Amino acid sequence: MPAPPPPTLDDVRRAARRLDGVAHRTPVLTSATLDALFGAQVVLKHEGLQRAGAFKFRGAYTAISSLGADVLARGICACSSGNHAQAVALAARLCGTRATILMPTRSTTRS
């Protein structure tokens, strides 16, 4: 299956409109120490203050809020063991649907 095309500027604008008033506007921070270390201005987005504690809320909400009423009526299913699960659950609740999150019971990484 081919990869989906990259988002267009219109896609980004549509997502920004969906997120307006839903996602938090998180602060941007700077660090003189990092600037000196890298020889450039380093800007850090403080996404720990985003809803569900992660930038992943934006993607989860944008995807779920874009679904049709027929899909939302059936609910959402996602696989995650971290903050993506929290973001999907919150986005589903805000969109008036239920979410089932499948969490792994052990790591699938092999040494």
C-alpha atoms as a PDB file:
ATOM      1  CA  MET A   1       0.000   0.000   0.000  1.00  0.00           C
ATOM      2  CA  PRO A   2       1.534   3.354  -0.979  1.00  0.00           C
ATOM      3  CA  ALA A   3       2.227   5.993   1.641  1.00  0.00           C
ATOM      4  CA  PRO A   4      -0.353   8.770   1.875  1.00  0.00           C
ATOM      5  CA  PRO A   5       0.638  12.094   0.345  1.00  0.00           C
ATOM      6  CA  PRO A   6       2.157  14.681   2.680  1.00  0.00           C
ATOM      7  CA  PRO A   7      -0.259  17.240   4.126  1.00  0.00           C
ATOM      8  CA  THR A   8      -0.838  20.388   2.130  1.00  0.00           C
ATOM      9  CA  LEU A   9      -0.977  23.922   3.488  1.00  0.00           C
ATOM     10  CA  ASP A  10      -4.778  23.714   3.217  1.00  0.00           C
ATOM     11  CA  ASP A  11      -4.729  20.510   5.316  1.00  0.00           C
ATOM     12  CA  VAL A  12      -2.726  22.317   8.005  1.00  0.00           C
ATOM     13  CA  ARG A  13      -5.104  25.280   7.957  1.00  0.00           C
ATOM     14  CA  ARG A  14      -8.130  22.964   8.232  1.00  0.00           C
ATOM     15  CA  ALA A  15      -6.540  21.197  11.207  1.00  0.00           C
ATOM     16  CA  ALA A  16      -5.760  24.535  12.881  1.00  0.00           C
ATOM     17  CA  ARG A  17      -9.422  25.550  12.542  1.00  0.00           C
ATOM     18  CA  ARG A  18     -10.561  22.252  14.094  1.00  0.00           C
ATOM     19  CA  LEU A  19      -8.150  22.692  17.004  1.00  0.00           C
ATOM     20  CA  ASP A  20      -9.010  26.330  17.675  1.00  0.00           C
ATOM     21  CA  GLY A  21     -10.512  26.524  21.148  1.00  0.00           C
ATOM     22  CA  VAL A  22      -9.873  22.826  21.799  1.00  0.00           C
ATOM     23  CA  ALA A  23      -6.088  22.443  21.995  1.00  0.00           C
ATOM     24  CA  HIS A  24      -4.102  24.575  24.407  1.00  0.00           C
ATOM     25  CA  ARG A  25      -1.727  27.190  23.045  1.00  0.00           C
ATOM     26  CA  THR A  26       1.456  25.973  24.676  1.00  0.00           C
ATOM     27  CA  PRO A  27       4.351  28.327  25.408  1.00  0.00           C
ATOM     28  CA  VAL A  28       7.617  28.503  23.526  1.00  0.00           C
ATOM     29  CA  LEU A  29      10.725  28.605  25.705  1.00  0.00           C
ATOM     30  CA  THR A  30      14.327  29.488  24.968  1.00  0.00           C
ATOM     31  CA  SER A  31      17.540  28.456  26.649  1.00  0.00           C
ATOM     32  CA  ALA A  32      20.770  30.458  26.670  1.00  0.00           C
ATOM     33  CA  THR A  33      22.617  27.254  27.558  1.00  0.00           C
ATOM     34  CA  LEU A  34      21.294  25.388  24.509  1.00  0.00           C
ATOM     35  CA  ASP A  35      21.868  28.428  22.290  1.00  0.00           C
ATOM     36  CA  ALA A  36      25.524  28.506  23.361  1.00  0.00           C
ATOM     37  CA  LEU A  37      25.923  24.743  23.027  1.00  0.00           C
ATOM     38  CA  PHE A  38      24.566  24.626  19.471  1.00  0.00           C
ATOM     39  CA  GLY A  39      25.635  28.069  18.256  1.00  0.00           C
ATOM     40  CA  ALA A  40      22.076  28.893  17.247  1.00  0.00           C
ATOM     41  CA  GLN A  41      18.824  30.008  18.794  1.00  0.00           C
ATOM     42  CA  VAL A  42      17.049  26.923  20.108  1.00  0.00           C
ATOM     43  CA  VAL A  43      13.311  27.197  20.670  1.00  0.00           C
ATOM     44  CA  LEU A  44      11.472  24.595  22.743  1.00  0.00           C
ATOM     45  CA  LYS A  45       7.714  24.047  22.560  1.00  0.00           C
ATOM     46  CA  HIS A  46       6.411  23.109  26.025  1.00  0.00           C
ATOM     47  CA  GLU A  47       4.024  20.367  24.947  1.00  0.00           C
ATOM     48  CA  GLY A  48       3.868  18.846  28.420  1.00  0.00           C
ATOM     49  CA  LEU A  49       1.225  21.525  29.039  1.00  0.00           C
ATOM     50  CA  GLN A  50      -0.944  20.317  26.147  1.00  0.00           C
ATOM     51  CA  ARG A  51      -4.169  18.478  26.882  1.00  0.00           C
ATOM     52  CA  ALA A  52      -3.346  14.845  27.708  1.00  0.00           C
ATOM     53  CA  GLY A  53       0.225  16.008  28.299  1.00  0.00           C
ATOM     54  CA  ALA A  54       1.468  15.565  24.748  1.00  0.00           C
ATOM     55  CA  PHE A  55       1.501  17.067  21.255  1.00  0.00           C
ATOM     56  CA  LYS A  56      -0.249  13.865  20.141  1.00  0.00           C
ATOM     57  CA  PHE A  57      -3.557  15.359  21.250  1.00  0.00           C
ATOM     58  CA  ARG A  58      -3.543  17.605  18.182  1.00  0.00           C
ATOM     59  CA  GLY A  59      -3.271  14.690  15.774  1.00  0.00           C
ATOM     60  CA  ALA A  60      -5.740  12.513  17.643  1.00  0.00           C
ATOM     61  CA  TYR A  61      -8.355  15.261  17.861  1.00  0.00           C
ATOM     62  CA  THR A  62      -7.882  16.315  14.234  1.00  0.00           C
ATOM     63  CA  ALA A  63      -8.281  12.722  13.019  1.00  0.00           C
ATOM     64  CA  ILE A  64     -11.243  11.817  15.220  1.00  0.00           C
ATOM     65  CA  SER A  65     -13.120  15.089  14.713  1.00  0.00           C
ATOM     66  CA  SER A  66     -12.778  14.572  10.940  1.00  0.00           C
ATOM     67  CA  LEU A  67     -14.698  11.283  11.021  1.00  0.00           C
ATOM     68  CA  GLY A  68     -18.299  11.018   9.915  1.00  0.00           C
ATOM     69  CA  ALA A  69     -21.183  10.527  12.333  1.00  0.00           C
ATOM     70  CA  ASP A  70     -21.572   6.885  11.221  1.00  0.00           C
ATOM     71  CA  VAL A  71     -17.974   6.092  12.199  1.00  0.00           C
ATOM     72  CA  LEU A  72     -18.194   8.033  15.473  1.00  0.00           C
ATOM     73  CA  ALA A  73     -21.331   6.082  16.379  1.00  0.00           C
ATOM     74  CA  ARG A  74     -19.291   2.851  16.223  1.00  0.00           C
ATOM     75  CA  GLY A  75     -16.467   4.209  18.405  1.00  0.00           C
ATOM     76  CA  ILE A  76     -12.713   4.466  18.079  1.00  0.00           C
ATOM     77  CA  CYS A  77     -10.064   1.786  18.561  1.00  0.00           C
ATOM     78  CA  ALA A  78      -6.347   2.528  18.986  1.00  0.00           C
ATOM     79  CA  CYS A  79      -3.224   0.637  20.020  1.00  0.00           C
ATOM     80  CA  SER A  80      -0.853   2.432  22.365  1.00  0.00           C
ATOM     81  CA  SER A  81       0.930   2.092  25.655  1.00  0.00           C
ATOM     82  CA  GLY A  82       1.535   5.765  26.322  1.00  0.00           C
ATOM     83  CA  ASN A  83       0.415   9.310  25.815  1.00  0.00           C
ATOM     84  CA  HIS A  84      -1.088   8.555  22.402  1.00  0.00           C
ATOM     85  CA  ALA A  85      -3.663   6.399  24.196  1.00  0.00           C
ATOM     86  CA  GLN A  86      -4.489   9.265  26.536  1.00  0.00           C
ATOM     87  CA  ALA A  87      -4.801  11.667  23.611  1.00  0.00           C
ATOM     88  CA  VAL A  88      -7.120   9.325  21.678  1.00  0.00           C
ATOM     89  CA  ALA A  89      -9.300   8.719  24.730  1.00  0.00           C
ATOM     90  CA  LEU A  90      -9.661  12.444  25.426  1.00  0.00           C
ATOM     91  CA  ALA A  91     -10.303  13.310  21.775  1.00  0.00           C
ATOM     92  CA  ALA A  92     -12.954  10.588  21.539  1.00  0.00           C
ATOM     93  CA  ARG A  93     -14.713  11.908  24.640  1.00  0.00           C
ATOM     94  CA  LEU A  94     -14.645  15.475  23.300  1.00  0.00           C
ATOM     95  CA  CYS A  95     -16.103  14.238  20.006  1.00  0.00           C
ATOM     96  CA  GLY A  96     -18.900  12.378  21.777  1.00  0.00           C
ATOM     97  CA  THR A  97     -17.782   8.847  21.043  1.00  0.00           C
ATOM     98  CA  ARG A  98     -16.204   6.013  22.989  1.00  0.00           C
ATOM     99  CA  ALA A  99     -12.653   4.749  22.636  1.00  0.00           C
ATOM    100  CA  THR A 100     -11.226   1.289  23.131  1.00  0.00           C
ATOM    101  CA  ILE A 101      -7.497   1.375  23.734  1.00  0.00           C
ATOM    102  CA  LEU A 102      -5.522  -1.820  23.211  1.00  0.00           C
ATOM    103  CA  MET A 103      -2.399  -1.811  25.367  1.00  0.00           C
ATOM    104  CA  PRO A 104       0.448  -4.302  25.026  1.00  0.00           C
ATOM    105  CA  THR A 105       1.093  -6.525  28.014  1.00  0.00           C
ATOM    106  CA  ARG A 106       4.813  -6.720  27.284  1.00  0.00           C
ATOM    107  CA  SER A 107       7.404  -5.119  25.099  1.00  0.00           C
ATOM    108  CA  THR A 108       7.664  -6.423  21.548  1.00  0.00           C
ATOM    109  CA  THR A 109      11.272  -5.271  21.303  1.00  0.00           C
ATOM    110  CA  ARG A 110      13.755  -8.111  21.127  1.00  0.00           C
ATOM    111  CA  SER A 111      17.310  -7.853  22.347  1.00  0.00           C
END
